[in-house]
């Protein structure tokens, strides 16, 4: 299988992106792909949404084109634009158009960060038409077999600021993600972080304690990704507490009282 980033450079993908299922998400995604249904992944930062898409692209043997959405993302960034050459102008496909032509899975990460007028261009691709109109060239690109549109976002912190229009949301099958149950998260941290069983268990226990601080004003709780980062530092020889301070505490808050409370939990976990 070939993986393609939004830079458009193709490279050979690794054997299999590691992903540990927590429910029926694999089977549902496979059926959505087979039936030409767009998929929306909802869940907190760092809970495995992107890894899941990478795993499914490998499993389905489809190229994967990923776009990280942001405030300045325009429809032209997705569809394409004319470039000025020495002998005139030349059309260059954007990542969405390349995915449609190639029959790839197009993954729009944090889609609500994009402008609403940008998101609207997705609509013809999410229903029976499976069509991408390119206004600048007058072309209507029909989706090649295997094409699928997948988007993700974090409903926790984005709902207060931005959200998808109902007319957009109803075009997707939604899969809800959350942090894995403790034993599965331990297995993930052990596998991905290179930690021993006891350390992985302690990190997951610490992570769950820190997540309880959300009620005390912590905007973002520690993700599985941060637990893996802590495990990797520990496995490389960094002392446990220092690794947790750097990978878990500091990224989450600059508030002195919250950071102090989190350090206390680290110290209590790793006596």
C-alpha atoms as a PDB file:
ATOM      1  CA  UNK A   1       0.000   0.000   0.000  1.00  0.00           C
ATOM      2  CA  UNK A   2       1.139   3.569  -0.619  1.00  0.00           C
ATOM      3  CA  UNK A   3       0.753   6.348   1.940  1.00  0.00           C
ATOM      4  CA  UNK A   4       0.516   9.932   0.702  1.00  0.00           C
ATOM      5  CA  UNK A   5       0.756  12.952   2.961  1.00  0.00           C
ATOM      6  CA  UNK A   6      -0.830  16.275   2.038  1.00  0.00           C
ATOM      7  CA  UNK A   7       2.497  17.258   0.491  1.00  0.00           C
ATOM      8  CA  UNK A   8       1.665  14.794  -2.265  1.00  0.00           C
ATOM      9  CA  UNK A   9       4.870  12.763  -1.877  1.00  0.00           C
ATOM     10  CA  UNK A  10       4.240   9.034  -2.044  1.00  0.00           C
ATOM     11  CA  UNK A  11       6.141   6.549   0.089  1.00  0.00           C
ATOM     12  CA  UNK A  12       5.830   2.912   1.004  1.00  0.00           C
ATOM     13  CA  UNK A  13       3.783   2.423   4.164  1.00  0.00           C
ATOM     14  CA  UNK A  14       5.013   0.297   7.084  1.00  0.00           C
ATOM     15  CA  UNK A  15       3.812  -3.273   7.427  1.00  0.00           C
ATOM     16  CA  UNK A  16       0.827  -2.578   9.682  1.00  0.00           C
ATOM     17  CA  UNK A  17       0.060   0.498  11.785  1.00  0.00           C
ATOM     18  CA  UNK A  18      -0.596  -0.846  15.284  1.00  0.00           C
ATOM     19  CA  UNK A  19      -4.161  -0.362  16.466  1.00  0.00           C
ATOM     20  CA  UNK A  20      -5.983  -2.149  19.277  1.00  0.00           C
ATOM     21  CA  UNK A  21      -9.777  -2.110  18.720  1.00  0.00           C
ATOM     22  CA  UNK A  22     -12.039  -1.225  21.620  1.00  0.00           C
ATOM     23  CA  UNK A  23     -15.386  -2.063  19.994  1.00  0.00           C
ATOM     24  CA  UNK A  24     -16.960  -2.590  16.574  1.00  0.00           C
ATOM     25  CA  UNK A  25     -15.227   0.369  14.924  1.00  0.00           C
ATOM     26  CA  UNK A  26     -13.215  -1.787  12.499  1.00  0.00           C
ATOM     27  CA  UNK A  27     -16.249  -3.695  11.210  1.00  0.00           C
ATOM     28  CA  UNK A  28     -18.375  -0.550  10.907  1.00  0.00           C
ATOM     29  CA  UNK A  29     -15.640   1.293   9.003  1.00  0.00           C
ATOM     30  CA  UNK A  30     -15.194  -1.643   6.619  1.00  0.00           C
ATOM     31  CA  UNK A  31     -18.909  -1.674   5.855  1.00  0.00           C
ATOM     32  CA  UNK A  32     -18.937   2.102   5.349  1.00  0.00           C
ATOM     33  CA  UNK A  33     -16.091   1.774   2.862  1.00  0.00           C
ATOM     34  CA  UNK A  34     -17.845  -1.022   0.994  1.00  0.00           C
ATOM     35  CA  UNK A  35     -21.079   0.988   0.806  1.00  0.00           C
ATOM     36  CA  UNK A  36     -19.556   4.357  -0.133  1.00  0.00           C
ATOM     37  CA  UNK A  37     -20.407   6.043   3.167  1.00  0.00           C
ATOM     38  CA  UNK A  38     -18.379   8.951   4.538  1.00  0.00           C
ATOM     39  CA  UNK A  39     -17.159   8.565   8.119  1.00  0.00           C
ATOM     40  CA  UNK A  40     -16.790  11.060  10.949  1.00  0.00           C
ATOM     41  CA  UNK A  41     -14.501  10.238  13.890  1.00  0.00           C
ATOM     42  CA  UNK A  42     -15.341  12.065  17.122  1.00  0.00           C
ATOM     43  CA  UNK A  43     -13.169  11.997  20.204  1.00  0.00           C
ATOM     44  CA  UNK A  44     -10.639  13.754  22.439  1.00  0.00           C
ATOM     45  CA  UNK A  45      -7.154  14.691  21.329  1.00  0.00           C
ATOM     46  CA  UNK A  46      -4.683  11.820  21.236  1.00  0.00           C
ATOM     47  CA  UNK A  47      -7.159   8.953  21.681  1.00  0.00           C
ATOM     48  CA  UNK A  48      -6.185   7.109  18.481  1.00  0.00           C
ATOM     49  CA  UNK A  49      -8.367   8.554  15.710  1.00  0.00           C
ATOM     50  CA  UNK A  50      -5.527   9.149  13.266  1.00  0.00           C
ATOM     51  CA  UNK A  51      -3.897   5.803  14.014  1.00  0.00           C
ATOM     52  CA  UNK A  52      -7.249   4.120  13.408  1.00  0.00           C
ATOM     53  CA  UNK A  53      -7.512   5.697   9.944  1.00  0.00           C
ATOM     54  CA  UNK A  54      -3.943   4.641   9.131  1.00  0.00           C
ATOM     55  CA  UNK A  55      -4.740   1.106  10.247  1.00  0.00           C
ATOM     56  CA  UNK A  56      -7.934   0.954   8.193  1.00  0.00           C
ATOM     57  CA  UNK A  57      -6.184   2.266   5.077  1.00  0.00           C
ATOM     58  CA  UNK A  58      -3.626  -0.522   5.502  1.00  0.00           C
ATOM     59  CA  UNK A  59      -6.354  -3.071   6.174  1.00  0.00           C
ATOM     60  CA  UNK A  60      -8.353  -2.035   3.099  1.00  0.00           C
ATOM     61  CA  UNK A  61      -5.217  -1.715   0.949  1.00  0.00           C
ATOM     62  CA  UNK A  62      -6.046   1.851  -0.017  1.00  0.00           C
ATOM     63  CA  UNK A  63      -3.736   4.868  -0.382  1.00  0.00           C
ATOM     64  CA  UNK A  64      -4.190   7.409   2.406  1.00  0.00           C
ATOM     65  CA  UNK A  65      -4.067  11.176   1.844  1.00  0.00           C
ATOM     66  CA  UNK A  66      -4.140  13.211   5.052  1.00  0.00           C
ATOM     67  CA  UNK A  67      -4.901  16.921   5.359  1.00  0.00           C
ATOM     68  CA  UNK A  68      -4.505  18.794   8.655  1.00  0.00           C
ATOM     69  CA  UNK A  69      -7.248  21.414   8.661  1.00  0.00           C
ATOM     70  CA  UNK A  70      -6.771  24.974   9.937  1.00  0.00           C
ATOM     71  CA  UNK A  71      -8.431  28.392   9.865  1.00  0.00           C
ATOM     72  CA  UNK A  72      -6.750  29.446   6.636  1.00  0.00           C
ATOM     73  CA  UNK A  73      -7.550  26.262   4.700  1.00  0.00           C
ATOM     74  CA  UNK A  74      -9.408  27.245   1.528  1.00  0.00           C
ATOM     75  CA  UNK A  75     -11.365  25.258  -1.020  1.00  0.00           C
ATOM     76  CA  UNK A  76      -8.476  25.794  -3.443  1.00  0.00           C
ATOM     77  CA  UNK A  77      -6.088  24.191  -0.949  1.00  0.00           C
ATOM     78  CA  UNK A  78      -8.225  21.053  -1.114  1.00  0.00           C
ATOM     79  CA  UNK A  79      -9.290  21.054  -4.762  1.00  0.00           C
ATOM     80  CA  UNK A  80      -6.324  22.636  -6.535  1.00  0.00           C
ATOM     81  CA  UNK A  81      -5.230  25.801  -8.309  1.00  0.00           C
ATOM     82  CA  UNK A  82      -3.593  27.146 -11.425  1.00  0.00           C
ATOM     83  CA  UNK A  83       0.160  27.642 -11.125  1.00  0.00           C
ATOM     84  CA  UNK A  84       2.058  30.193 -13.174  1.00  0.00           C
ATOM     85  CA  UNK A  85       4.804  28.668 -15.304  1.00  0.00           C
ATOM     86  CA  UNK A  86       7.319  30.298 -17.627  1.00  0.00           C
ATOM     87  CA  UNK A  87       5.202  29.233 -20.600  1.00  0.00           C
ATOM     88  CA  UNK A  88       1.755  29.895 -19.145  1.00  0.00           C
ATOM     89  CA  UNK A  89      -0.424  28.407 -16.433  1.00  0.00           C
ATOM     90  CA  UNK A  90      -0.867  24.804 -15.355  1.00  0.00           C
ATOM     91  CA  UNK A  91      -3.545  23.231 -13.207  1.00  0.00           C
ATOM     92  CA  UNK A  92      -2.359  21.343 -10.125  1.00  0.00           C
ATOM     93  CA  UNK A  93      -4.723  19.022  -8.252  1.00  0.00           C
ATOM     94  CA  UNK A  94      -5.095  19.517  -4.521  1.00  0.00           C
ATOM     95  CA  UNK A  95      -5.048  16.594  -2.048  1.00  0.00           C
ATOM     96  CA  UNK A  96      -8.819  16.058  -2.157  1.00  0.00           C
ATOM     97  CA  UNK A  97      -8.862  15.925  -5.956  1.00  0.00           C
ATOM     98  CA  UNK A  98      -5.923  13.503  -5.995  1.00  0.00           C
ATOM     99  CA  UNK A  99      -7.754  11.229  -3.574  1.00  0.00           C
ATOM    100  CA  UNK A 100     -10.925  11.327  -5.695  1.00  0.00           C
ATOM    101  CA  UNK A 101      -9.018  10.471  -8.869  1.00  0.00           C
ATOM    102  CA  UNK A 102      -6.898   7.733  -7.279  1.00  0.00           C
ATOM    103  CA  UNK A 103      -9.590   6.038  -5.217  1.00  0.00           C
ATOM    104  CA  UNK A 104      -7.741   6.866  -2.015  1.00  0.00           C
ATOM    105  CA  UNK A 105      -9.015   7.458   1.497  1.00  0.00           C
ATOM    106  CA  UNK A 106      -8.956  11.218   2.131  1.00  0.00           C
ATOM    107  CA  UNK A 107      -8.641  12.038   5.834  1.00  0.00           C
ATOM    108  CA  UNK A 108      -9.410  15.597   6.956  1.00  0.00           C
ATOM    109  CA  UNK A 109      -8.028  15.895  10.479  1.00  0.00           C
ATOM    110  CA  UNK A 110      -9.810  18.394  12.781  1.00  0.00           C
ATOM    111  CA  UNK A 111     -12.231  19.339  10.023  1.00  0.00           C
ATOM    112  CA  UNK A 112     -14.100  21.970  12.061  1.00  0.00           C
ATOM    113  CA  UNK A 113     -10.956  24.096  12.045  1.00  0.00           C
ATOM    114  CA  UNK A 114     -11.580  24.689   8.328  1.00  0.00           C
ATOM    115  CA  UNK A 115     -13.835  27.495   7.162  1.00  0.00           C
ATOM    116  CA  UNK A 116     -17.481  26.641   6.511  1.00  0.00           C
ATOM    117  CA  UNK A 117     -17.243  27.646   2.854  1.00  0.00           C
ATOM    118  CA  UNK A 118     -14.379  25.177   2.526  1.00  0.00           C
ATOM    119  CA  UNK A 119     -16.282  22.316   4.150  1.00  0.00           C
ATOM    120  CA  UNK A 120     -19.237  22.806   1.783  1.00  0.00           C
ATOM    121  CA  UNK A 121     -17.170  21.549  -1.182  1.00  0.00           C
ATOM    122  CA  UNK A 122     -17.276  18.103   0.444  1.00  0.00           C
ATOM    123  CA  UNK A 123     -21.044  17.743   0.112  1.00  0.00           C
ATOM    124  CA  UNK A 124     -21.239  16.268  -3.433  1.00  0.00           C
ATOM    125  CA  UNK A 125     -18.724  13.605  -2.388  1.00  0.00           C
ATOM    126  CA  UNK A 126     -20.765  12.429   0.588  1.00  0.00           C
ATOM    127  CA  UNK A 127     -23.970  11.379  -1.154  1.00  0.00           C
ATOM    128  CA  UNK A 128     -24.978   9.231  -4.115  1.00  0.00           C
ATOM    129  CA  UNK A 129     -23.231  11.558  -6.582  1.00  0.00           C
ATOM    130  CA  UNK A 130     -19.672  10.914  -5.332  1.00  0.00           C
ATOM    131  CA  UNK A 131     -18.671  13.848  -7.477  1.00  0.00           C
ATOM    132  CA  UNK A 132     -16.180  16.698  -7.101  1.00  0.00           C
ATOM    133  CA  UNK A 133     -16.985  19.782  -9.211  1.00  0.00           C
ATOM    134  CA  UNK A 134     -13.928  21.885 -10.074  1.00  0.00           C
ATOM    135  CA  UNK A 135     -15.327  25.321 -10.882  1.00  0.00           C
ATOM    136  CA  UNK A 136     -12.030  26.746 -12.099  1.00  0.00           C
ATOM    137  CA  UNK A 137     -11.677  24.148 -14.861  1.00  0.00           C
ATOM    138  CA  UNK A 138     -15.315  23.190 -15.404  1.00  0.00           C
ATOM    139  CA  UNK A 139     -14.455  19.546 -14.701  1.00  0.00           C
ATOM    140  CA  UNK A 140     -16.656  17.187 -12.702  1.00  0.00           C
ATOM    141  CA  UNK A 141     -14.467  14.446 -11.248  1.00  0.00           C
ATOM    142  CA  UNK A 142     -16.254  11.195 -10.426  1.00  0.00           C
ATOM    143  CA  UNK A 143     -14.814   9.351  -7.452  1.00  0.00           C
ATOM    144  CA  UNK A 144     -12.737   6.352  -8.458  1.00  0.00           C
ATOM    145  CA  UNK A 145     -13.555   2.979  -6.868  1.00  0.00           C
ATOM    146  CA  UNK A 146     -12.192   2.800  -3.338  1.00  0.00           C
ATOM    147  CA  UNK A 147     -12.458   6.529  -2.595  1.00  0.00           C
ATOM    148  CA  UNK A 148     -13.707   7.363   0.873  1.00  0.00           C
ATOM    149  CA  UNK A 149     -13.959  10.619   2.798  1.00  0.00           C
ATOM    150  CA  UNK A 150     -13.086  10.515   6.503  1.00  0.00           C
ATOM    151  CA  UNK A 151     -13.092  13.507   8.849  1.00  0.00           C
ATOM    152  CA  UNK A 152     -12.284  13.888  12.531  1.00  0.00           C
ATOM    153  CA  UNK A 153     -12.712  16.446  15.264  1.00  0.00           C
ATOM    154  CA  UNK A 154     -12.668  16.876  19.018  1.00  0.00           C
ATOM    155  CA  UNK A 155     -16.211  17.759  20.156  1.00  0.00           C
ATOM    156  CA  UNK A 156     -15.004  18.558  23.673  1.00  0.00           C
ATOM    157  CA  UNK A 157     -13.137  21.813  23.122  1.00  0.00           C
ATOM    158  CA  UNK A 158     -14.401  22.730  19.679  1.00  0.00           C
ATOM    159  CA  UNK A 159     -18.131  22.706  20.336  1.00  0.00           C
ATOM    160  CA  UNK A 160     -18.004  26.015  22.238  1.00  0.00           C
ATOM    161  CA  UNK A 161     -16.137  27.760  19.413  1.00  0.00           C
ATOM    162  CA  UNK A 162     -16.970  25.936  16.190  1.00  0.00           C
ATOM    163  CA  UNK A 163     -19.096  23.080  14.996  1.00  0.00           C
ATOM    164  CA  UNK A 164     -20.149  21.481  11.753  1.00  0.00           C
ATOM    165  CA  UNK A 165     -23.430  22.557  10.230  1.00  0.00           C
ATOM    166  CA  UNK A 166     -26.254  20.026  10.671  1.00  0.00           C
ATOM    167  CA  UNK A 167     -26.456  19.748   6.880  1.00  0.00           C
ATOM    168  CA  UNK A 168     -22.840  18.583   6.900  1.00  0.00           C
ATOM    169  CA  UNK A 169     -22.997  16.328   9.959  1.00  0.00           C
ATOM    170  CA  UNK A 170     -25.894  14.316   8.558  1.00  0.00           C
ATOM    171  CA  UNK A 171     -23.791  13.264   5.575  1.00  0.00           C
ATOM    172  CA  UNK A 172     -21.498  11.129   7.737  1.00  0.00           C
ATOM    173  CA  UNK A 173     -21.645   7.936   9.733  1.00  0.00           C
ATOM    174  CA  UNK A 174     -20.192   8.913  13.123  1.00  0.00           C
ATOM    175  CA  UNK A 175     -17.869   6.765  15.223  1.00  0.00           C
ATOM    176  CA  UNK A 176     -17.324   7.887  18.814  1.00  0.00           C
ATOM    177  CA  UNK A 177     -13.836   7.462  20.242  1.00  0.00           C
ATOM    178  CA  UNK A 178     -12.576   7.856  23.792  1.00  0.00           C
ATOM    179  CA  UNK A 179      -9.540   6.828  25.768  1.00  0.00           C
ATOM    180  CA  UNK A 180      -9.329   3.022  25.934  1.00  0.00           C
ATOM    181  CA  UNK A 181     -10.261   1.030  29.034  1.00  0.00           C
ATOM    182  CA  UNK A 182      -7.374   0.787  31.495  1.00  0.00           C
ATOM    183  CA  UNK A 183      -6.125  -2.662  30.510  1.00  0.00           C
ATOM    184  CA  UNK A 184      -6.221  -1.913  26.801  1.00  0.00           C
ATOM    185  CA  UNK A 185      -4.540   1.436  27.337  1.00  0.00           C
ATOM    186  CA  UNK A 186      -1.833  -0.293  29.366  1.00  0.00           C
ATOM    187  CA  UNK A 187      -1.240  -2.727  26.502  1.00  0.00           C
ATOM    188  CA  UNK A 188      -0.999   0.186  24.049  1.00  0.00           C
ATOM    189  CA  UNK A 189       1.437   2.144  26.243  1.00  0.00           C
ATOM    190  CA  UNK A 190       3.532  -0.976  26.770  1.00  0.00           C
ATOM    191  CA  UNK A 191       3.595  -1.787  23.054  1.00  0.00           C
ATOM    192  CA  UNK A 192       4.037   1.724  21.661  1.00  0.00           C
ATOM    193  CA  UNK A 193       6.087   3.262  24.459  1.00  0.00           C
ATOM    194  CA  UNK A 194       8.484   0.408  25.117  1.00  0.00           C
ATOM    195  CA  UNK A 195       7.694   0.428  28.837  1.00  0.00           C
ATOM    196  CA  UNK A 196       7.641  -2.643  31.036  1.00  0.00           C
ATOM    197  CA  UNK A 197       4.335  -3.944  32.355  1.00  0.00           C
ATOM    198  CA  UNK A 198       4.594  -2.281  35.771  1.00  0.00           C
ATOM    199  CA  UNK A 199       5.572   1.122  34.381  1.00  0.00           C
ATOM    200  CA  UNK A 200       2.818   1.043  31.766  1.00  0.00           C
ATOM    201  CA  UNK A 201       0.291   0.124  34.447  1.00  0.00           C
ATOM    202  CA  UNK A 202       1.452   2.994  36.672  1.00  0.00           C
ATOM    203  CA  UNK A 203       1.355   5.497  33.796  1.00  0.00           C
ATOM    204  CA  UNK A 204      -2.216   4.554  32.893  1.00  0.00           C
ATOM    205  CA  UNK A 205      -3.235   4.820  36.549  1.00  0.00           C
ATOM    206  CA  UNK A 206      -1.613   8.261  36.704  1.00  0.00           C
ATOM    207  CA  UNK A 207      -3.322   9.278  33.475  1.00  0.00           C
ATOM    208  CA  UNK A 208      -6.739   8.396  34.859  1.00  0.00           C
ATOM    209  CA  UNK A 209      -6.032  10.381  38.029  1.00  0.00           C
ATOM    210  CA  UNK A 210      -4.971  13.392  36.004  1.00  0.00           C
ATOM    211  CA  UNK A 211      -8.076  13.133  33.838  1.00  0.00           C
ATOM    212  CA  UNK A 212     -10.169  13.615  36.960  1.00  0.00           C
ATOM    213  CA  UNK A 213      -8.687  17.119  37.231  1.00  0.00           C
ATOM    214  CA  UNK A 214     -10.809  18.242  34.280  1.00  0.00           C
ATOM    215  CA  UNK A 215     -13.470  19.289  36.780  1.00  0.00           C
ATOM    216  CA  UNK A 216     -10.892  21.568  38.421  1.00  0.00           C
ATOM    217  CA  UNK A 217     -10.263  23.582  35.284  1.00  0.00           C
ATOM    218  CA  UNK A 218      -7.877  21.444  33.253  1.00  0.00           C
ATOM    219  CA  UNK A 219      -8.787  22.301  29.650  1.00  0.00           C
ATOM    220  CA  UNK A 220      -7.208  19.215  28.073  1.00  0.00           C
ATOM    221  CA  UNK A 221      -6.731  15.930  29.890  1.00  0.00           C
ATOM    222  CA  UNK A 222      -3.687  13.696  29.287  1.00  0.00           C
ATOM    223  CA  UNK A 223      -4.110  11.648  26.155  1.00  0.00           C
ATOM    224  CA  UNK A 224      -2.908   8.155  25.397  1.00  0.00           C
ATOM    225  CA  UNK A 225      -0.375   9.865  23.118  1.00  0.00           C
ATOM    226  CA  UNK A 226       1.149  11.709  26.103  1.00  0.00           C
ATOM    227  CA  UNK A 227       1.294   8.509  28.140  1.00  0.00           C
ATOM    228  CA  UNK A 228       3.198   6.876  25.275  1.00  0.00           C
ATOM    229  CA  UNK A 229       5.576   9.853  25.114  1.00  0.00           C
ATOM    230  CA  UNK A 230       6.238   9.506  28.846  1.00  0.00           C
ATOM    231  CA  UNK A 231       6.880   5.786  28.450  1.00  0.00           C
ATOM    232  CA  UNK A 232       9.363   6.417  25.640  1.00  0.00           C
ATOM    233  CA  UNK A 233      11.311   8.910  27.749  1.00  0.00           C
ATOM    234  CA  UNK A 234      11.397   6.465  30.647  1.00  0.00           C
ATOM    235  CA  UNK A 235      12.494   3.631  28.361  1.00  0.00           C
ATOM    236  CA  UNK A 236      15.328   5.841  27.089  1.00  0.00           C
ATOM    237  CA  UNK A 237      16.695   6.290  30.604  1.00  0.00           C
ATOM    238  CA  UNK A 238      15.074   9.539  31.766  1.00  0.00           C
ATOM    239  CA  UNK A 239      14.091   9.293  35.467  1.00  0.00           C
ATOM    240  CA  UNK A 240      10.411   8.488  35.832  1.00  0.00           C
ATOM    241  CA  UNK A 241       9.294  11.660  37.577  1.00  0.00           C
ATOM    242  CA  UNK A 242      11.246  13.949  35.267  1.00  0.00           C
ATOM    243  CA  UNK A 243       9.797  12.131  32.263  1.00  0.00           C
ATOM    244  CA  UNK A 244       6.259  12.614  33.558  1.00  0.00           C
ATOM    245  CA  UNK A 245       6.844  16.269  34.414  1.00  0.00           C
ATOM    246  CA  UNK A 246       8.097  16.930  30.880  1.00  0.00           C
ATOM    247  CA  UNK A 247       5.694  14.757  28.869  1.00  0.00           C
ATOM    248  CA  UNK A 248       2.525  14.887  30.981  1.00  0.00           C
ATOM    249  CA  UNK A 249       2.451  17.911  33.273  1.00  0.00           C
ATOM    250  CA  UNK A 250       4.069  20.732  31.300  1.00  0.00           C
ATOM    251  CA  UNK A 251       2.134  20.233  28.022  1.00  0.00           C
ATOM    252  CA  UNK A 252      -1.233  20.334  29.798  1.00  0.00           C
ATOM    253  CA  UNK A 253      -1.195  23.586  31.753  1.00  0.00           C
ATOM    254  CA  UNK A 254       0.811  26.711  32.565  1.00  0.00           C
ATOM    255  CA  UNK A 255      -1.321  27.383  35.630  1.00  0.00           C
ATOM    256  CA  UNK A 256       0.908  27.083  38.701  1.00  0.00           C
ATOM    257  CA  UNK A 257      -1.733  25.559  40.978  1.00  0.00           C
ATOM    258  CA  UNK A 258      -2.872  23.000  38.415  1.00  0.00           C
ATOM    259  CA  UNK A 259       0.707  22.087  37.518  1.00  0.00           C
ATOM    260  CA  UNK A 260       1.500  21.696  41.211  1.00  0.00           C
ATOM    261  CA  UNK A 261      -1.482  19.397  41.719  1.00  0.00           C
ATOM    262  CA  UNK A 262      -0.409  17.287  38.744  1.00  0.00           C
ATOM    263  CA  UNK A 263       3.171  17.045  40.017  1.00  0.00           C
ATOM    264  CA  UNK A 264       1.832  15.894  43.383  1.00  0.00           C
ATOM    265  CA  UNK A 265      -0.055  13.096  41.642  1.00  0.00           C
ATOM    266  CA  UNK A 266       3.102  12.108  39.754  1.00  0.00           C
ATOM    267  CA  UNK A 267       5.059  11.998  43.010  1.00  0.00           C
ATOM    268  CA  UNK A 268       2.345   9.942  44.713  1.00  0.00           C
ATOM    269  CA  UNK A 269       2.246   7.452  41.833  1.00  0.00           C
ATOM    270  CA  UNK A 270       6.002   6.964  41.549  1.00  0.00           C
ATOM    271  CA  UNK A 271       7.193   6.966  45.158  1.00  0.00           C
END
